[in-house]
Amino acid sequence: MSKRRILISVLVAAVLAALVYWQVRSWRKFDWAVFATQTTAVNWWMIAGAVALIYAADTLRAFRWSIFLRPVKPVHPIRLVAPQFIGFAALALLGRPGELIRPYIIAKKENLGLPSQMAVWTVERIFDFAAVVILLSVDLRFSHSLRELDQFGAIRQAGVVLIGLVLFGIMVAFLIRRNGVTLAAWVERRLRTFPQLGERIGSKIRAFSEGLNTIHNLGSLVLAVLISVVIWSMVAGSYRLVTYAYPDPSLNQLGFSEVILLMFFSIAGGLLQLPIVGGGSQLFTIGALQSVFGVEPELATSCGILLWLVTFVSVTPLGLLLARFEHVSFLKLAREEQAELAHSGAVRPSS
């Protein structure tokens, strides 16, 4: 494990410890018996349906990845299904070190270069984020129930800022797509007194530009956007089924608008994650359920943990099964991936 990764893990652990401490201070009267009762009262058929939606969404990711591969190599989407589940299982078990196992498996399986699949992974992240922002924007604009929340004004302002950032990011991405090589060379010339820094930034710009070129026509762009929105609508549907599975009205009466907002909080918290135990996603979800929707601590904790298990961890059994079928070792793949990145000179994303 590199010093950088150790430092990042320590920082994430420190932030999560602070969040846990804050939560514990606010739960001085937490009743574990109530927590157990609320959890066992869940409708598990609803939970099974929520897991099925997550599996369907991850399968759709294979179809979207095949669209991104069209300019390089036509690949049947079915061939890309197993790498999706194996990769997400590795992410759940290993944390951030397992994040790029998906592009690495696809690169090996389809005899493609790892840098090109890292570029596809970058584009996938852009489409995911854009799809979530689209859903959140529509939610904030047209939902009447959200307007009744005490925090709606602050949430709407944050949403406007976020939309602005996304539009700015799209503009920057468009400019890099058209002028990536020229921009990278210009940056390297400007930083010639710091050659390593200039080369690093230039390689990131080139990789990003290469990734954006995976969208080769308008039809592919529209289809990728539609699939992305469907994927995240399915994830939101999974959230809705989990909340509906609880008998308590403070959860089962949350509508689709509320769960989209809840999903956004969970995604934001997911940026802080440790292997196996997760962390940020659960804490942000629990905090949002309490502070935004007024759910009792015991019920919010139960729902937050269950949402994390359904949307993030539930792919692990199938991922492990497919990994065994494909003769894949997560730890071996992680080591090979790092060696390949070092050999190819590619830059590993920091997030």
Protein backbone atom coordinates (compact mmCIF):
# COMPACT_ATOMS: atom_id res chain seq x y z
CA MET A 1 0.00 0.00 0.00
CA SER A 2 1.44 3.39 -1.02
CA LYS A 3 2.03 6.23 1.43
CA ARG A 4 -0.58 8.29 -0.38
CA ARG A 5 -3.22 5.59 -0.01
CA ILE A 6 -2.36 5.15 3.66
CA LEU A 7 -2.71 8.91 4.20
CA ILE A 8 -6.06 9.02 2.39
CA SER A 9 -7.34 6.04 4.42
CA VAL A 10 -6.25 7.69 7.67
CA LEU A 11 -7.95 10.97 6.72
CA VAL A 12 -11.17 9.20 5.74
CA ALA A 13 -11.12 7.20 8.97
CA ALA A 14 -10.60 10.41 10.96
CA VAL A 15 -13.52 12.16 9.26
CA LEU A 16 -15.77 9.13 9.75
CA ALA A 17 -14.72 8.90 13.42
CA ALA A 18 -15.68 12.53 13.88
CA LEU A 19 -19.06 11.92 12.23
CA VAL A 20 -19.66 8.85 14.41
CA TYR A 21 -18.74 10.85 17.52
CA TRP A 22 -21.19 13.58 16.50
CA GLN A 23 -23.91 11.00 15.92
CA VAL A 24 -23.26 9.28 19.26
CA ARG A 25 -23.49 12.61 21.10
CA SER A 26 -26.87 13.21 19.48
CA TRP A 27 -28.11 9.68 20.32
CA ARG A 28 -27.70 9.72 24.10
CA LYS A 29 -31.15 8.16 24.45
CA PHE A 30 -30.76 5.69 21.60
CA ASP A 31 -32.93 2.63 22.26
CA TRP A 32 -31.39 -0.52 20.79
CA ALA A 33 -34.51 -2.55 21.52
CA VAL A 34 -36.57 -0.19 19.37
CA PHE A 35 -33.89 -0.38 16.68
CA ALA A 36 -34.14 -4.20 16.66
CA THR A 37 -37.95 -4.13 16.58
CA GLN A 38 -38.05 -1.67 13.68
CA THR A 39 -35.53 -3.71 11.68
CA THR A 40 -37.24 -7.09 12.15
CA ALA A 41 -40.60 -5.60 11.16
CA VAL A 42 -39.37 -4.86 7.64
CA ASN A 43 -41.19 -6.39 4.67
CA TRP A 44 -38.36 -8.49 3.25
CA TRP A 45 -40.14 -9.09 -0.04
CA MET A 46 -39.86 -5.35 -0.64
CA ILE A 47 -36.17 -5.56 0.17
CA ALA A 48 -35.76 -8.39 -2.34
CA GLY A 49 -37.43 -6.19 -4.96
CA ALA A 50 -35.03 -3.35 -4.10
CA VAL A 51 -32.04 -5.68 -4.59
CA ALA A 52 -33.47 -6.81 -7.94
CA LEU A 53 -33.61 -3.18 -9.09
CA ILE A 54 -29.95 -2.69 -8.14
CA TYR A 55 -29.01 -5.81 -10.10
CA ALA A 56 -30.98 -4.54 -13.11
CA ALA A 57 -29.29 -1.13 -12.88
CA ASP A 58 -25.82 -2.67 -12.76
CA THR A 59 -26.69 -4.84 -15.77
CA LEU A 60 -27.70 -1.71 -17.69
CA ARG A 61 -24.24 -0.33 -16.96
CA ALA A 62 -22.83 -3.05 -19.20
CA PHE A 63 -25.01 -1.83 -22.07
CA ARG A 64 -23.85 1.74 -21.52
CA TRP A 65 -20.20 0.66 -21.40
CA SER A 66 -20.62 -1.12 -24.73
CA ILE A 67 -21.82 2.20 -26.21
CA PHE A 68 -18.65 3.89 -24.98
CA LEU A 69 -16.56 1.12 -26.61
CA ARG A 70 -18.10 1.43 -30.08
CA PRO A 71 -15.46 3.82 -31.51
CA VAL A 72 -12.71 1.43 -30.36
CA LYS A 73 -14.15 -2.07 -30.61
CA PRO A 74 -17.70 -3.47 -30.93
CA VAL A 75 -18.36 -5.58 -27.84
CA HIS A 76 -21.60 -7.39 -27.02
CA PRO A 77 -23.06 -5.98 -23.77
CA ILE A 78 -23.52 -9.47 -22.30
CA ARG A 79 -19.73 -9.88 -22.22
CA LEU A 80 -19.50 -6.81 -19.98
CA VAL A 81 -22.09 -7.85 -17.37
CA ALA A 82 -19.77 -10.04 -15.26
CA PRO A 83 -17.04 -7.36 -15.01
CA GLN A 84 -19.63 -4.90 -13.67
CA PHE A 85 -20.68 -7.15 -10.78
CA ILE A 86 -17.14 -8.31 -10.06
CA GLY A 87 -15.93 -4.71 -10.02
CA PHE A 88 -18.66 -3.48 -7.68
CA ALA A 89 -18.07 -6.44 -5.36
CA ALA A 90 -14.38 -5.51 -5.27
CA LEU A 91 -15.32 -1.90 -4.48
CA ALA A 92 -17.50 -3.05 -1.57
CA LEU A 93 -14.80 -5.35 -0.18
CA LEU A 94 -11.65 -3.35 -0.88
CA GLY A 95 -12.90 0.23 -0.86
CA ARG A 96 -11.25 2.70 -3.24
CA PRO A 97 -8.38 0.32 -4.17
CA GLY A 98 -10.98 -1.84 -5.92
CA GLU A 99 -12.57 1.00 -7.84
CA LEU A 100 -10.65 0.51 -11.09
CA ILE A 101 -10.93 -3.27 -11.16
CA ARG A 102 -13.89 -2.96 -13.57
CA PRO A 103 -11.94 -1.18 -16.32
CA TYR A 104 -8.95 -3.45 -15.69
CA ILE A 105 -11.01 -6.63 -16.12
CA ILE A 106 -12.63 -5.27 -19.29
CA ALA A 107 -9.25 -4.24 -20.69
CA LYS A 108 -7.86 -7.75 -20.14
CA LYS A 109 -10.99 -9.57 -21.30
CA GLU A 110 -11.40 -7.58 -24.52
CA ASN A 111 -7.66 -7.12 -25.23
CA LEU A 112 -7.86 -3.34 -24.87
CA GLY A 113 -5.43 -0.86 -23.35
CA LEU A 114 -5.97 0.01 -19.69
CA PRO A 115 -5.67 3.79 -20.29
CA SER A 116 -8.56 3.63 -22.77
CA GLN A 117 -10.77 1.83 -20.25
CA MET A 118 -9.79 4.27 -17.53
CA ALA A 119 -10.98 6.98 -19.89
CA VAL A 120 -14.28 5.13 -20.31
CA TRP A 121 -14.53 4.88 -16.52
CA THR A 122 -14.04 8.66 -16.29
CA VAL A 123 -16.80 9.28 -18.82
CA GLU A 124 -19.07 6.88 -16.96
CA ARG A 125 -18.57 8.93 -13.79
CA ILE A 126 -19.51 12.09 -15.68
CA PHE A 127 -22.72 10.54 -16.99
CA ASP A 128 -23.62 9.17 -13.56
CA PHE A 129 -23.16 12.52 -11.89
CA ALA A 130 -25.05 14.33 -14.65
CA ALA A 131 -27.97 11.86 -14.39
CA VAL A 132 -28.23 12.35 -10.62
CA VAL A 133 -28.16 16.13 -11.07
CA ILE A 134 -30.90 15.91 -13.74
CA LEU A 135 -33.13 13.91 -11.38
CA LEU A 136 -32.40 16.27 -8.48
CA SER A 137 -33.06 19.34 -10.64
CA VAL A 138 -36.45 18.05 -11.79
CA ASP A 139 -37.18 17.05 -8.19
CA LEU A 140 -36.46 20.52 -6.79
CA ARG A 141 -38.30 22.28 -9.61
CA PHE A 142 -41.57 20.35 -9.68
CA SER A 143 -41.97 18.63 -6.29
CA HIS A 144 -44.61 20.25 -4.08
CA SER A 145 -43.87 17.99 -1.11
CA LEU A 146 -40.24 19.12 -0.92
CA ARG A 147 -41.37 22.74 -0.70
CA GLU A 148 -42.92 21.93 2.66
CA LEU A 149 -39.55 21.00 4.17
CA ASP A 150 -38.06 23.54 6.57
CA GLN A 151 -34.70 23.24 4.81
CA PHE A 152 -36.10 23.59 1.28
CA GLY A 153 -34.62 27.07 0.75
CA ALA A 154 -31.11 25.93 1.62
CA ILE A 155 -31.51 22.72 -0.38
CA ARG A 156 -32.72 24.65 -3.44
CA GLN A 157 -29.81 27.09 -3.22
CA ALA A 158 -27.36 24.20 -2.97
CA GLY A 159 -29.08 22.59 -5.95
CA VAL A 160 -28.72 25.75 -8.04
CA VAL A 161 -25.01 25.94 -7.22
CA LEU A 162 -24.62 22.27 -8.10
CA ILE A 163 -26.40 22.69 -11.43
CA GLY A 164 -24.17 25.64 -12.22
CA LEU A 165 -21.08 23.58 -11.45
CA VAL A 166 -22.31 20.75 -13.67
CA LEU A 167 -22.98 23.14 -16.58
CA PHE A 168 -19.53 24.65 -16.11
CA GLY A 169 -18.03 21.15 -16.03
CA ILE A 170 -19.82 20.23 -19.26
CA MET A 171 -18.45 23.36 -20.94
CA VAL A 172 -14.92 22.56 -19.76
CA ALA A 173 -15.31 18.95 -20.90
CA PHE A 174 -16.44 20.13 -24.35
CA LEU A 175 -13.39 22.39 -24.67
CA ILE A 176 -11.04 19.62 -23.54
CA ARG A 177 -12.65 17.18 -25.98
CA ARG A 178 -11.95 19.52 -28.88
CA ASN A 179 -8.56 20.84 -27.77
CA GLY A 180 -7.23 18.25 -25.31
CA VAL A 181 -3.88 17.54 -26.98
CA THR A 182 -3.19 21.24 -27.59
CA LEU A 183 -4.16 22.15 -24.03
CA ALA A 184 -1.98 19.40 -22.55
CA ALA A 185 1.03 20.56 -24.57
CA TRP A 186 0.41 24.19 -23.50
CA VAL A 187 0.27 23.18 -19.80
CA GLU A 188 3.50 21.21 -20.11
CA ARG A 189 5.24 24.18 -21.73
CA ARG A 190 4.00 26.57 -19.03
CA LEU A 191 5.21 24.22 -16.30
CA ARG A 192 8.54 23.29 -17.89
CA THR A 193 10.32 24.46 -14.73
CA PHE A 194 8.32 21.74 -12.91
CA PRO A 195 8.48 18.94 -15.52
CA GLN A 196 6.99 16.17 -13.36
CA LEU A 197 3.96 18.27 -12.41
CA GLY A 198 3.48 19.43 -15.99
CA GLU A 199 3.71 15.88 -17.33
CA ARG A 200 1.24 14.63 -14.73
CA ILE A 201 -1.34 17.33 -15.49
CA GLY A 202 -0.81 16.92 -19.22
CA SER A 203 -1.35 13.15 -19.07
CA LYS A 204 -4.59 13.66 -17.12
CA ILE A 205 -5.85 16.12 -19.74
CA ARG A 206 -5.00 13.71 -22.57
CA ALA A 207 -6.67 10.77 -20.81
CA PHE A 208 -9.77 12.85 -20.15
CA SER A 209 -9.85 14.05 -23.75
CA GLU A 210 -9.51 10.46 -24.99
CA GLY A 211 -12.37 9.38 -22.75
CA LEU A 212 -14.68 12.09 -24.07
CA ASN A 213 -14.01 10.88 -27.62
CA THR A 214 -15.82 7.64 -26.75
CA ILE A 215 -19.05 9.47 -27.63
CA HIS A 216 -18.77 9.38 -31.38
CA ASN A 217 -22.19 10.69 -32.52
CA LEU A 218 -25.38 12.35 -31.30
CA GLY A 219 -27.30 9.09 -31.21
CA SER A 220 -24.79 7.52 -28.85
CA LEU A 221 -24.86 10.61 -26.63
CA VAL A 222 -28.65 10.60 -26.36
CA LEU A 223 -28.77 6.86 -25.70
CA ALA A 224 -26.05 7.06 -23.04
CA VAL A 225 -27.90 9.92 -21.30
CA LEU A 226 -31.21 8.03 -21.37
CA ILE A 227 -29.61 4.86 -20.00
CA SER A 228 -27.91 6.87 -17.25
CA VAL A 229 -31.18 8.46 -16.18
CA VAL A 230 -32.89 5.05 -16.20
CA ILE A 231 -30.06 3.55 -14.11
CA TRP A 232 -30.37 6.18 -11.42
CA SER A 233 -34.17 6.09 -11.56
CA MET A 234 -33.88 2.38 -10.77
CA VAL A 235 -31.58 3.17 -7.86
CA ALA A 236 -34.09 5.75 -6.61
CA GLY A 237 -36.80 3.10 -7.00
CA SER A 238 -34.72 0.79 -4.83
CA TYR A 239 -34.56 3.52 -2.17
CA ARG A 240 -38.33 3.88 -2.39
CA LEU A 241 -38.90 0.15 -1.90
CA VAL A 242 -36.61 0.07 1.14
CA THR A 243 -38.37 2.99 2.83
CA TYR A 244 -41.77 1.52 1.91
CA ALA A 245 -40.76 -1.79 3.48
CA TYR A 246 -40.91 -0.23 6.96
CA PRO A 247 -44.31 -0.16 8.68
CA ASP A 248 -43.65 3.26 10.24
CA PRO A 249 -45.44 6.08 8.32
CA SER A 250 -42.48 8.45 8.72
CA LEU A 251 -40.69 6.20 6.20
CA ASN A 252 -43.32 4.41 4.12
CA GLN A 253 -45.03 7.69 3.26
CA LEU A 254 -41.90 9.20 1.73
CA GLY A 255 -42.55 9.76 -1.95
CA PHE A 256 -40.30 9.45 -4.97
CA SER A 257 -39.30 13.11 -4.64
CA GLU A 258 -38.09 12.57 -1.08
CA VAL A 259 -36.10 9.44 -1.88
CA ILE A 260 -34.30 11.18 -4.77
CA LEU A 261 -33.15 13.82 -2.30
CA LEU A 262 -32.22 11.09 0.18
CA MET A 263 -30.28 9.28 -2.55
CA PHE A 264 -28.31 12.44 -3.23
CA PHE A 265 -27.30 12.70 0.44
CA SER A 266 -26.21 9.06 0.36
CA ILE A 267 -24.11 9.57 -2.78
CA ALA A 268 -22.43 12.60 -1.22
CA GLY A 269 -21.59 10.55 1.87
CA GLY A 270 -20.32 7.69 -0.26
CA LEU A 271 -17.26 9.77 -1.12
CA LEU A 272 -16.07 8.90 2.40
CA GLN A 273 -15.71 5.13 2.41
CA LEU A 274 -13.61 2.45 4.03
CA PRO A 275 -13.35 -1.19 2.84
CA ILE A 276 -16.20 -3.49 3.92
CA VAL A 277 -17.56 -1.14 6.63
CA GLY A 278 -18.39 1.76 4.30
CA GLY A 279 -19.10 4.70 6.57
CA GLY A 280 -19.99 8.00 4.96
CA SER A 281 -22.99 6.79 2.99
CA GLN A 282 -24.73 5.38 6.07
CA LEU A 283 -23.97 8.40 8.25
CA PHE A 284 -25.13 10.95 5.67
CA THR A 285 -28.28 8.95 4.97
CA ILE A 286 -29.08 8.58 8.67
CA GLY A 287 -28.40 12.27 9.26
CA ALA A 288 -30.68 13.29 6.36
CA LEU A 289 -33.49 11.02 7.55
CA GLN A 290 -33.32 12.63 10.99
CA SER A 291 -32.66 16.29 10.24
CA VAL A 292 -34.54 16.69 6.96
CA PHE A 293 -37.40 14.21 7.23
CA GLY A 294 -37.81 14.03 11.02
CA VAL A 295 -37.35 10.26 11.38
CA GLU A 296 -36.58 8.95 14.88
CA PRO A 297 -32.91 7.98 15.49
CA GLU A 298 -33.51 4.23 15.85
CA LEU A 299 -35.60 4.04 12.70
CA ALA A 300 -33.24 6.30 10.74
CA THR A 301 -30.27 4.14 11.74
CA SER A 302 -32.00 0.94 10.71
CA CYS A 303 -33.06 2.39 7.35
CA GLY A 304 -29.68 3.97 6.64
CA ILE A 305 -27.83 0.72 7.23
CA LEU A 306 -30.34 -1.30 5.21
CA LEU A 307 -30.16 1.15 2.30
CA TRP A 308 -26.37 0.81 2.25
CA LEU A 309 -26.59 -2.99 2.32
CA VAL A 310 -29.14 -3.07 -0.51
CA THR A 311 -27.62 -0.47 -2.83
CA PHE A 312 -23.93 -1.10 -2.23
CA VAL A 313 -23.23 -4.47 -0.62
CA SER A 314 -25.94 -6.64 -2.17
CA VAL A 315 -23.96 -7.16 -5.39
CA THR A 316 -21.14 -8.86 -3.46
CA PRO A 317 -22.52 -12.47 -3.46
CA LEU A 318 -23.10 -12.47 -7.22
CA GLY A 319 -19.82 -10.64 -7.79
CA LEU A 320 -17.90 -13.26 -5.80
CA LEU A 321 -19.68 -16.07 -7.64
CA LEU A 322 -18.85 -14.56 -11.04
CA ALA A 323 -15.27 -13.90 -9.90
CA ARG A 324 -14.91 -17.58 -9.04
CA PHE A 325 -16.40 -18.56 -12.40
CA GLU A 326 -14.02 -16.18 -14.20
CA HIS A 327 -11.06 -17.34 -12.02
CA VAL A 328 -10.55 -13.82 -10.68
CA SER A 329 -8.74 -12.88 -7.45
CA PHE A 330 -9.56 -9.38 -6.18
CA LEU A 331 -6.25 -8.86 -4.41
CA LYS A 332 -4.27 -10.19 -7.37
CA LEU A 333 -6.23 -7.94 -9.72
CA ALA A 334 -5.58 -4.90 -7.52
CA ARG A 335 -1.83 -5.60 -7.58
CA GLU A 336 -1.82 -6.23 -11.34
CA GLU A 337 -3.85 -3.07 -11.91
CA GLN A 338 -1.33 -0.93 -10.02
CA ALA A 339 1.58 -2.54 -11.89
CA GLU A 340 -0.14 -1.95 -15.23
CA LEU A 341 -0.85 1.67 -14.35
CA ALA A 342 2.80 2.22 -13.45
CA HIS A 343 4.01 0.46 -16.61
CA SER A 344 1.65 2.32 -18.96
CA GLY A 345 2.28 5.69 -17.34
CA ALA A 346 -1.46 6.18 -16.90
CA VAL A 347 -2.72 8.31 -14.06
CA ARG A 348 -4.95 6.79 -11.46
CA PRO A 349 -7.92 9.05 -10.58
CA SER A 350 -7.66 10.45 -7.08
CA SER A 351 -11.35 10.26 -6.23
